[in-house]
Structure formats: C-alpha cells, structure tokens
Amino acid sequence: MKLYCVGYVEASVWLSLLPTADGDGTRIVPELPEGYTFEQFIKAFLVYLDQHPEEEQHPAQGVLLKAWVDHKMLILKTKPCQELRPR
C-alpha cells in the first residue's frame, strides 16, 4: 500500500468527522463506528470504485465519503442547527 495513499485516506477520515450544515438549517453530524483500520477504509473505496466505475472521474474526497457511507463505515446523522447567540 502506498504511504501517500494511506496519508490521504487518514486525513479524509478525520476531515469527514467534522460536522457540517446544509442550507435548510440541518446539521450533519458524522459518526465513525470503532474498529476500522485505514487499510479497511482504502479497501472499501476500491470495492466501491469497482462497483461504480462512473465515479472514477469525480473528486476523490466525495467518492471516499460515498464509499464509506455505502459500506456503513461512516454514519451521517442529522440534527437541527442551533443559532449562536451572543452572551
């Protein structure tokens, strides 16, 4: 396994855990079940690409997330956004 590939995947795993919000006021909170190795994340990505060759031309970050959600390695939960109020 190429070291730069593992580094990219590791960074992508950690970045995928940052909460985000959509335009409708919904917070998307990712959860990562314990016990997966970075090698397993890479294998899930490669299996996903074999099953979805049309994704090869899309940006890697988005395809990585799709692969991990597809393999239930990354769970996306939604919560309502709370407004930040000054104290």
Protein backbone atom coordinates (compact mmCIF):
# COMPACT_ATOMS: atom_id res chain seq x y z
CA MET A 1 0.00 0.00 0.00
CA LYS A 2 1.44 3.36 -0.95
CA LEU A 3 2.23 5.57 2.03
CA TYR A 4 0.82 8.71 0.39
CA CYS A 5 -2.47 6.90 -0.22
CA VAL A 6 -2.73 5.96 3.46
CA GLY A 7 -1.96 9.54 4.46
CA TYR A 8 -4.64 10.93 2.17
CA VAL A 9 -7.20 8.43 3.43
CA GLU A 10 -6.29 9.08 7.06
CA ALA A 11 -6.72 12.84 6.59
CA SER A 12 -10.01 12.26 4.76
CA VAL A 13 -11.32 10.07 7.60
CA TRP A 14 -10.59 12.77 10.17
CA LEU A 15 -11.99 15.55 7.96
CA SER A 16 -15.16 13.54 7.33
CA LEU A 17 -15.88 13.67 11.06
CA LEU A 18 -16.31 17.46 11.09
CA PRO A 19 -19.96 18.47 11.43
CA THR A 20 -21.40 20.48 8.56
CA ALA A 21 -24.72 22.14 7.85
CA ASP A 22 -26.92 22.17 4.80
CA GLY A 23 -28.86 25.19 3.55
CA ASP A 24 -32.06 24.14 5.31
CA GLY A 25 -30.76 24.61 8.84
CA THR A 26 -29.91 20.96 9.39
CA ARG A 27 -26.62 19.92 10.95
CA ILE A 28 -24.99 16.80 9.54
CA VAL A 29 -23.07 15.00 12.28
CA PRO A 30 -20.88 12.13 11.05
CA GLU A 31 -20.18 9.14 13.27
CA LEU A 32 -17.42 6.63 12.77
CA PRO A 33 -18.01 3.17 14.26
CA GLU A 34 -14.94 1.95 16.12
CA GLY A 35 -12.66 -0.79 14.96
CA TYR A 36 -11.92 0.07 11.34
CA THR A 37 -8.35 0.37 10.11
CA PHE A 38 -7.19 2.79 7.44
CA GLU A 39 -6.46 -0.21 5.23
CA GLN A 40 -10.13 -1.24 5.51
CA PHE A 41 -11.19 2.30 4.50
CA ILE A 42 -8.96 2.01 1.42
CA LYS A 43 -10.34 -1.44 0.53
CA ALA A 44 -13.92 -0.16 0.86
CA PHE A 45 -13.04 2.68 -1.51
CA LEU A 46 -11.54 0.28 -4.07
CA VAL A 47 -14.53 -2.08 -3.87
CA TYR A 48 -16.87 0.90 -4.33
CA LEU A 49 -14.95 2.03 -7.42
CA ASP A 50 -15.19 -1.49 -8.88
CA GLN A 51 -18.96 -1.39 -8.36
CA HIS A 52 -19.32 2.22 -9.56
CA PRO A 53 -16.76 2.84 -12.33
CA GLU A 54 -18.57 6.05 -13.34
CA GLU A 55 -17.29 7.60 -10.09
CA GLU A 56 -13.64 7.36 -11.18
CA GLN A 57 -13.82 10.79 -12.81
CA HIS A 58 -15.24 12.53 -9.74
CA PRO A 59 -13.23 14.20 -6.95
CA ALA A 60 -11.74 11.63 -4.59
CA GLN A 61 -12.99 13.23 -1.37
CA GLY A 62 -16.66 12.91 -2.39
CA VAL A 63 -16.20 9.36 -3.68
CA LEU A 64 -14.41 8.33 -0.48
CA LEU A 65 -17.36 9.56 1.58
CA LYS A 66 -19.87 7.79 -0.68
CA ALA A 67 -17.86 4.57 -0.41
CA TRP A 68 -17.69 4.71 3.38
CA VAL A 69 -21.38 5.53 3.75
CA ASP A 70 -22.20 2.73 1.29
CA HIS A 71 -20.16 0.26 3.38
CA LYS A 72 -21.71 1.64 6.61
CA MET A 73 -18.27 2.68 7.84
CA LEU A 74 -19.42 6.29 8.17
CA ILE A 75 -22.86 7.13 9.51
CA LEU A 76 -24.36 10.55 8.79
CA LYS A 77 -26.92 11.73 11.34
CA THR A 78 -28.88 14.95 11.17
CA LYS A 79 -29.75 17.37 13.96
CA PRO A 80 -31.38 20.79 13.86
CA CYS A 81 -28.93 23.68 13.86
CA GLN A 82 -28.95 25.89 16.91
CA GLU A 83 -28.42 29.59 16.45
CA LEU A 84 -25.37 31.08 18.06
CA ARG A 85 -26.48 33.82 20.39
CA PRO A 86 -24.13 36.39 21.86
CA ARG A 87 -23.73 36.20 25.64
